[in-house]
Amino acid sequence: MTVGQLVAGLAHEINNPLGGMKNCLYNLKKYENDAKKIKYLNLMETGVDLINNLIQRLLNLTNTSSHAFSRLNLKNVLDESLEFL
């Protein structure tokens, strides 16, 4: 995977919840109904959680101390990788 593909994927994953939260904010300003406000606040919370989970997964990629080493068959790994490509 190239850096460009990684950045594009991250931008997409972050922009989706941000766009949804921006829409929720717009609707919160518009509605006086408390039930609708609670609905949009819950949707915003979900969006924040999605972004937070994405950031945590990215941070986990850099955390090498949590990885356990084990023996593996390198030929099988390479064969599976080639099939994937």
C-alpha atoms as a PDB file:
ATOM      1  CA  MET A   1       0.000   0.000   0.000  1.00  0.00           C
ATOM      2  CA  THR A   2       1.352   3.398  -0.901  1.00  0.00           C
ATOM      3  CA  VAL A   3       1.317   6.388   1.396  1.00  0.00           C
ATOM      4  CA  GLY A   4      -1.154   8.064  -0.959  1.00  0.00           C
ATOM      5  CA  GLN A   5      -3.598   5.175  -0.656  1.00  0.00           C
ATOM      6  CA  LEU A   6      -3.214   5.180   3.122  1.00  0.00           C
ATOM      7  CA  VAL A   7      -3.870   8.918   3.334  1.00  0.00           C
ATOM      8  CA  ALA A   8      -6.878   8.669   1.010  1.00  0.00           C
ATOM      9  CA  GLY A   9      -8.348   5.858   3.103  1.00  0.00           C
ATOM     10  CA  LEU A  10      -7.779   7.739   6.350  1.00  0.00           C
ATOM     11  CA  ALA A  11      -9.257  10.925   4.936  1.00  0.00           C
ATOM     12  CA  HIS A  12     -12.346   9.006   3.828  1.00  0.00           C
ATOM     13  CA  GLU A  13     -12.741   7.264   7.204  1.00  0.00           C
ATOM     14  CA  ILE A  14     -12.381  10.541   9.106  1.00  0.00           C
ATOM     15  CA  ASN A  15     -14.457  12.720   6.765  1.00  0.00           C
ATOM     16  CA  ASN A  16     -17.516  10.449   6.897  1.00  0.00           C
ATOM     17  CA  PRO A  17     -18.183  10.856  10.638  1.00  0.00           C
ATOM     18  CA  LEU A  18     -17.146  14.528  10.536  1.00  0.00           C
ATOM     19  CA  GLY A  19     -19.632  15.203   7.745  1.00  0.00           C
ATOM     20  CA  GLY A  20     -22.360  13.449   9.700  1.00  0.00           C
ATOM     21  CA  MET A  21     -21.559  15.435  12.833  1.00  0.00           C
ATOM     22  CA  LYS A  22     -21.593  18.707  10.883  1.00  0.00           C
ATOM     23  CA  ASN A  23     -25.044  17.795   9.583  1.00  0.00           C
ATOM     24  CA  CYS A  24     -26.166  17.007  13.140  1.00  0.00           C
ATOM     25  CA  LEU A  25     -24.939  20.401  14.350  1.00  0.00           C
ATOM     26  CA  TYR A  26     -26.851  22.103  11.552  1.00  0.00           C
ATOM     27  CA  ASN A  27     -30.016  20.246  12.563  1.00  0.00           C
ATOM     28  CA  LEU A  28     -29.520  20.959  16.270  1.00  0.00           C
ATOM     29  CA  LYS A  29     -29.524  24.682  15.501  1.00  0.00           C
ATOM     30  CA  LYS A  30     -32.702  24.276  13.465  1.00  0.00           C
ATOM     31  CA  TYR A  31     -34.886  22.106  15.723  1.00  0.00           C
ATOM     32  CA  GLU A  32     -36.423  23.105  19.008  1.00  0.00           C
ATOM     33  CA  ASN A  33     -37.742  19.592  19.626  1.00  0.00           C
ATOM     34  CA  ASP A  34     -35.812  17.958  22.495  1.00  0.00           C
ATOM     35  CA  ALA A  35     -36.273  14.428  21.087  1.00  0.00           C
ATOM     36  CA  LYS A  36     -34.650  15.464  17.804  1.00  0.00           C
ATOM     37  CA  LYS A  37     -31.820  17.174  19.653  1.00  0.00           C
ATOM     38  CA  ILE A  38     -31.126  14.003  21.636  1.00  0.00           C
ATOM     39  CA  LYS A  39     -31.196  11.981  18.401  1.00  0.00           C
ATOM     40  CA  TYR A  40     -28.622  14.257  16.768  1.00  0.00           C
ATOM     41  CA  LEU A  41     -26.443  14.375  19.869  1.00  0.00           C
ATOM     42  CA  ASN A  42     -26.385  10.559  19.898  1.00  0.00           C
ATOM     43  CA  LEU A  43     -25.410  10.512  16.222  1.00  0.00           C
ATOM     44  CA  MET A  44     -22.608  12.982  16.921  1.00  0.00           C
ATOM     45  CA  GLU A  45     -21.373  10.829  19.779  1.00  0.00           C
ATOM     46  CA  THR A  46     -21.289   7.834  17.425  1.00  0.00           C
ATOM     47  CA  GLY A  47     -19.248   9.862  14.923  1.00  0.00           C
ATOM     48  CA  VAL A  48     -16.750  10.872  17.598  1.00  0.00           C
ATOM     49  CA  ASP A  49     -16.474   7.231  18.705  1.00  0.00           C
ATOM     50  CA  LEU A  50     -15.752   6.140  15.109  1.00  0.00           C
ATOM     51  CA  ILE A  51     -12.941   8.678  14.789  1.00  0.00           C
ATOM     52  CA  ASN A  52     -11.570   7.740  18.200  1.00  0.00           C
ATOM     53  CA  ASN A  53     -11.547   4.026  17.286  1.00  0.00           C
ATOM     54  CA  LEU A  54      -9.741   4.788  14.023  1.00  0.00           C
ATOM     55  CA  ILE A  55      -7.062   6.776  15.845  1.00  0.00           C
ATOM     56  CA  GLN A  56      -6.657   4.000  18.420  1.00  0.00           C
ATOM     57  CA  ARG A  57      -6.203   1.423  15.646  1.00  0.00           C
ATOM     58  CA  LEU A  58      -3.558   3.635  14.038  1.00  0.00           C
ATOM     59  CA  LEU A  59      -1.744   4.015  17.334  1.00  0.00           C
ATOM     60  CA  ASN A  60      -1.872   0.249  17.852  1.00  0.00           C
ATOM     61  CA  LEU A  61      -0.044  -0.203  14.541  1.00  0.00           C
ATOM     62  CA  THR A  62       2.950   1.626  15.979  1.00  0.00           C
ATOM     63  CA  ASN A  63       2.891  -0.207  19.306  1.00  0.00           C
ATOM     64  CA  THR A  64       5.312  -3.066  18.766  1.00  0.00           C
ATOM     65  CA  SER A  65       5.468  -4.073  22.422  1.00  0.00           C
ATOM     66  CA  SER A  66       2.029  -5.727  22.281  1.00  0.00           C
ATOM     67  CA  HIS A  67       2.986  -8.075  19.450  1.00  0.00           C
ATOM     68  CA  ALA A  68       3.971 -11.627  20.237  1.00  0.00           C
ATOM     69  CA  PHE A  69       6.482 -13.446  18.086  1.00  0.00           C
ATOM     70  CA  SER A  70       5.790 -16.941  16.846  1.00  0.00           C
ATOM     71  CA  ARG A  71       7.077 -19.343  14.252  1.00  0.00           C
ATOM     72  CA  LEU A  72       5.424 -19.333  10.876  1.00  0.00           C
ATOM     73  CA  ASN A  73       5.806 -20.904   7.489  1.00  0.00           C
ATOM     74  CA  LEU A  74       7.193 -18.098   5.345  1.00  0.00           C
ATOM     75  CA  LYS A  75       6.312 -19.894   2.116  1.00  0.00           C
ATOM     76  CA  ASN A  76       2.626 -20.026   3.135  1.00  0.00           C
ATOM     77  CA  VAL A  77       2.649 -16.355   4.073  1.00  0.00           C
ATOM     78  CA  LEU A  78       4.197 -15.401   0.733  1.00  0.00           C
ATOM     79  CA  ASP A  79       1.798 -17.651  -1.208  1.00  0.00           C
ATOM     80  CA  GLU A  80      -1.217 -16.130   0.558  1.00  0.00           C
ATOM     81  CA  SER A  81       0.133 -12.629  -0.042  1.00  0.00           C
ATOM     82  CA  LEU A  82       0.613 -13.311  -3.740  1.00  0.00           C
ATOM     83  CA  GLU A  83      -2.916 -14.724  -4.011  1.00  0.00           C
ATOM     84  CA  PHE A  84      -4.253 -11.595  -2.337  1.00  0.00           C
ATOM     85  CA  LEU A  85      -2.407  -9.350  -4.786  1.00  0.00           C
END
